[in-house]
Amino acid sequence: MGLYIGIAALVLIVICFIMLYNRLVKLRNNRENAFADIDVQLKQRYDLIPQLVEVVRGYASHEKETLQNVINARNQALSANTIDEKINAENKLSGALNGLRFVFEAYPDLKANQNFLQLQEEISDVENKLSSVRRYFNSTTREYNNAVQVFPSSIIAGMSGFHKEQMFNVDTDRIVMDKAPSIKF
């Protein structure tokens, strides 16, 4: 009788191990799938940036450094391979695009240009979609990280090589983000 109880306990432990391991794998895959959604939006963003830069270049030829920063940040983001590299590169690109926003404010004629307005609308749409998929990615990352860190799945995670993953936080200057935009007529 004791042998049967021991075997039943061992089978129960193995089943629990398998269930927890499979849950961790599913959560990791959900996170990777969520980042694939981000990649789709980033591709659209990368395709629009050269067009935007060319329109701005036509109006603001002496803002070469700002435009070059945007181009360099875009190229670095395109060449990033891992999720962590992409997150870091995207933070740099977001900062460079913020610098470009100040160029827009310096050129009122640029703001009225039809090509610029269309590109600005498309980029705004992509940025909104990107924000949405980033939130979803962070949600899946949080769920995965919770599973990796809570007991008893933390034991399985440690034995199986699962570890806490990085969230996709935009590292923009907090002072700039907290400042209300100025509206001038």
Protein backbone atom coordinates (compact mmCIF):
# COMPACT_ATOMS: atom_id res chain seq x y z
CA MET A 1 0.00 0.00 0.00
CA GLY A 2 2.84 2.39 0.88
CA LEU A 3 4.46 1.63 -2.47
CA TYR A 4 1.29 2.65 -4.32
CA ILE A 5 1.09 5.92 -2.38
CA GLY A 6 4.74 6.65 -3.17
CA ILE A 7 4.24 5.94 -6.88
CA ALA A 8 1.06 8.05 -6.92
CA ALA A 9 2.90 10.93 -5.22
CA LEU A 10 5.78 10.66 -7.71
CA VAL A 11 3.36 10.61 -10.67
CA LEU A 12 1.57 13.66 -9.22
CA ILE A 13 4.87 15.53 -8.86
CA VAL A 14 5.87 14.68 -12.45
CA ILE A 15 2.47 15.81 -13.74
CA CYS A 16 2.76 19.10 -11.82
CA PHE A 17 6.27 19.61 -13.16
CA ILE A 18 5.08 19.04 -16.73
CA MET A 19 2.09 21.36 -16.32
CA LEU A 20 4.19 24.17 -14.83
CA TYR A 21 6.91 23.76 -17.44
CA ASN A 22 4.36 23.84 -20.27
CA ARG A 23 2.76 26.96 -18.80
CA LEU A 24 6.13 28.71 -18.72
CA VAL A 25 6.78 27.74 -22.33
CA LYS A 26 3.36 29.06 -23.40
CA LEU A 27 3.93 32.34 -21.57
CA ARG A 28 7.37 32.76 -23.13
CA ASN A 29 5.89 32.06 -26.57
CA ASN A 30 3.09 34.57 -25.96
CA ARG A 31 5.72 37.19 -25.09
CA GLU A 32 7.69 36.44 -28.25
CA ASN A 33 4.50 36.59 -30.32
CA ALA A 34 3.65 39.95 -28.74
CA PHE A 35 7.06 41.24 -29.76
CA ALA A 36 6.44 40.02 -33.32
CA ASP A 37 3.42 42.35 -33.33
CA ILE A 38 5.73 45.17 -32.28
CA ASP A 39 8.08 44.25 -35.13
CA VAL A 40 5.25 44.72 -37.65
CA GLN A 41 4.56 48.23 -36.37
CA LEU A 42 8.27 49.04 -36.20
CA LYS A 43 8.67 48.02 -39.86
CA GLN A 44 5.94 50.48 -40.83
CA ARG A 45 7.62 53.13 -38.72
CA TYR A 46 11.00 52.47 -40.34
CA ASP A 47 9.45 52.72 -43.80
CA LEU A 48 7.84 56.09 -43.02
CA ILE A 49 10.86 57.73 -41.39
CA PRO A 50 12.93 58.21 -44.59
CA GLN A 51 9.91 59.86 -46.25
CA LEU A 52 9.40 62.16 -43.30
CA VAL A 53 13.10 63.04 -43.19
CA GLU A 54 13.07 63.94 -46.90
CA VAL A 55 10.07 66.23 -46.50
CA VAL A 56 11.66 67.93 -43.51
CA ARG A 57 15.02 68.14 -45.28
CA GLY A 58 13.37 70.16 -48.04
CA TYR A 59 12.29 72.77 -45.53
CA ALA A 60 15.03 72.63 -42.94
CA SER A 61 18.25 71.95 -44.79
CA HIS A 62 20.40 73.35 -41.97
CA GLU A 63 18.91 70.90 -39.43
CA LYS A 64 21.20 68.21 -40.82
CA GLU A 65 22.41 66.93 -37.45
CA THR A 66 18.90 66.32 -36.14
CA LEU A 67 17.92 64.52 -39.34
CA GLN A 68 21.12 62.47 -39.28
CA ASN A 69 20.41 61.42 -35.67
CA VAL A 70 16.99 60.13 -36.74
CA ILE A 71 18.48 58.23 -39.69
CA ASN A 72 21.27 56.74 -37.55
CA ALA A 73 18.83 55.70 -34.82
CA ARG A 74 16.54 54.10 -37.44
CA ASN A 75 19.45 52.17 -38.95
CA GLN A 76 20.59 50.99 -35.52
CA ALA A 77 17.04 49.85 -34.74
CA LEU A 78 16.88 47.96 -38.04
CA SER A 79 20.12 46.12 -37.28
CA ALA A 80 19.14 45.08 -33.74
CA ASN A 81 18.70 41.30 -33.43
CA THR A 82 17.56 40.37 -29.94
CA ILE A 83 14.48 41.66 -28.15
CA ASP A 84 16.66 43.54 -25.63
CA GLU A 85 18.75 45.14 -28.42
CA LYS A 86 15.56 46.19 -30.21
CA ILE A 87 14.11 47.72 -27.04
CA ASN A 88 17.29 49.76 -26.46
CA ALA A 89 17.49 50.82 -30.11
CA GLU A 90 13.83 51.83 -30.10
CA ASN A 91 14.40 54.01 -27.06
CA LYS A 92 17.15 55.84 -28.96
CA LEU A 93 14.92 56.21 -32.02
CA SER A 94 12.08 57.62 -29.92
CA GLY A 95 14.50 60.19 -28.49
CA ALA A 96 15.71 61.15 -31.98
CA LEU A 97 12.11 61.54 -33.16
CA ASN A 98 11.48 63.82 -30.19
CA GLY A 99 14.34 66.00 -31.43
CA LEU A 100 12.69 66.10 -34.84
CA ARG A 101 9.49 67.34 -33.21
CA PHE A 102 11.34 70.51 -32.20
CA VAL A 103 12.31 71.06 -35.84
CA PHE A 104 8.62 70.96 -36.75
CA GLU A 105 7.89 73.66 -34.21
CA ALA A 106 10.59 75.90 -35.73
CA TYR A 107 9.12 75.75 -39.27
CA PRO A 108 5.47 76.86 -39.46
CA ASP A 109 5.42 76.42 -43.25
CA LEU A 110 6.42 72.80 -42.84
CA LYS A 111 3.42 72.15 -40.62
CA ALA A 112 1.12 73.36 -43.43
CA ASN A 113 2.73 71.25 -46.19
CA GLN A 114 0.30 68.60 -47.48
CA ASN A 115 3.00 65.90 -47.80
CA PHE A 116 4.12 66.57 -44.27
CA LEU A 117 0.58 66.51 -42.92
CA GLN A 118 -0.11 63.16 -44.57
CA LEU A 119 3.14 61.66 -43.26
CA GLN A 120 2.50 63.10 -39.82
CA GLU A 121 -0.94 61.47 -39.80
CA GLU A 122 0.49 58.10 -40.89
CA ILE A 123 3.27 58.26 -38.30
CA SER A 124 0.77 59.22 -35.62
CA ASP A 125 -1.33 56.19 -36.58
CA VAL A 126 1.71 53.89 -36.46
CA GLU A 127 2.83 55.37 -33.13
CA ASN A 128 -0.64 54.77 -31.65
CA LYS A 129 -0.63 51.17 -32.87
CA LEU A 130 2.92 50.75 -31.59
CA SER A 131 1.88 52.05 -28.20
CA SER A 132 -0.96 49.54 -28.11
CA VAL A 133 1.22 46.55 -29.02
CA ARG A 134 3.86 47.69 -26.52
CA ARG A 135 1.23 47.64 -23.79
CA TYR A 136 0.22 44.13 -24.84
CA PHE A 137 3.88 43.05 -24.93
CA ASN A 138 4.43 44.45 -21.43
CA SER A 139 1.30 42.67 -20.24
CA THR A 140 2.54 39.33 -21.58
CA THR A 141 6.01 40.03 -20.17
CA ARG A 142 4.52 40.81 -16.75
CA GLU A 143 2.50 37.59 -16.81
CA TYR A 144 5.60 35.61 -17.83
CA ASN A 145 7.78 37.31 -15.18
CA ASN A 146 5.18 36.60 -12.51
CA ALA A 147 5.13 32.93 -13.45
CA VAL A 148 8.94 32.79 -13.39
CA GLN A 149 9.11 34.39 -9.96
CA VAL A 150 6.23 32.84 -7.99
CA PHE A 151 6.34 29.57 -6.12
CA PRO A 152 6.24 26.72 -7.17
CA SER A 153 6.83 27.60 -10.83
CA SER A 154 9.96 29.55 -9.82
CA ILE A 155 11.58 26.20 -8.97
CA ILE A 156 10.77 24.80 -12.41
CA ALA A 157 11.84 28.08 -14.05
CA GLY A 158 15.21 28.04 -12.29
CA MET A 159 15.87 24.42 -13.22
CA SER A 160 14.78 24.94 -16.84
CA GLY A 161 16.59 28.19 -17.66
CA PHE A 162 13.59 30.54 -17.62
CA HIS A 163 14.44 33.99 -16.26
CA LYS A 164 12.86 37.38 -15.77
CA GLU A 165 12.59 39.36 -19.03
CA GLN A 166 12.84 43.06 -19.80
CA MET A 167 9.73 45.20 -20.26
CA PHE A 168 9.46 47.60 -23.21
CA ASN A 169 9.61 50.99 -21.50
CA VAL A 170 10.25 54.10 -23.54
CA ASP A 171 13.22 55.90 -22.00
CA THR A 172 12.36 59.44 -22.99
CA ASP A 173 13.25 62.46 -20.97
CA ARG A 174 10.70 62.61 -18.14
CA ILE A 175 10.77 66.43 -18.09
CA VAL A 176 9.80 66.54 -21.78
CA MET A 177 7.04 63.99 -21.27
CA ASP A 178 5.60 65.87 -18.31
CA LYS A 179 5.63 69.23 -20.08
CA ALA A 180 2.35 70.19 -21.72
CA PRO A 181 2.69 70.90 -25.43
CA SER A 182 2.55 74.54 -26.43
CA ILE A 183 -0.23 75.49 -28.82
CA LYS A 184 0.29 78.64 -30.89
CA PHE A 185 -1.95 80.31 -33.45
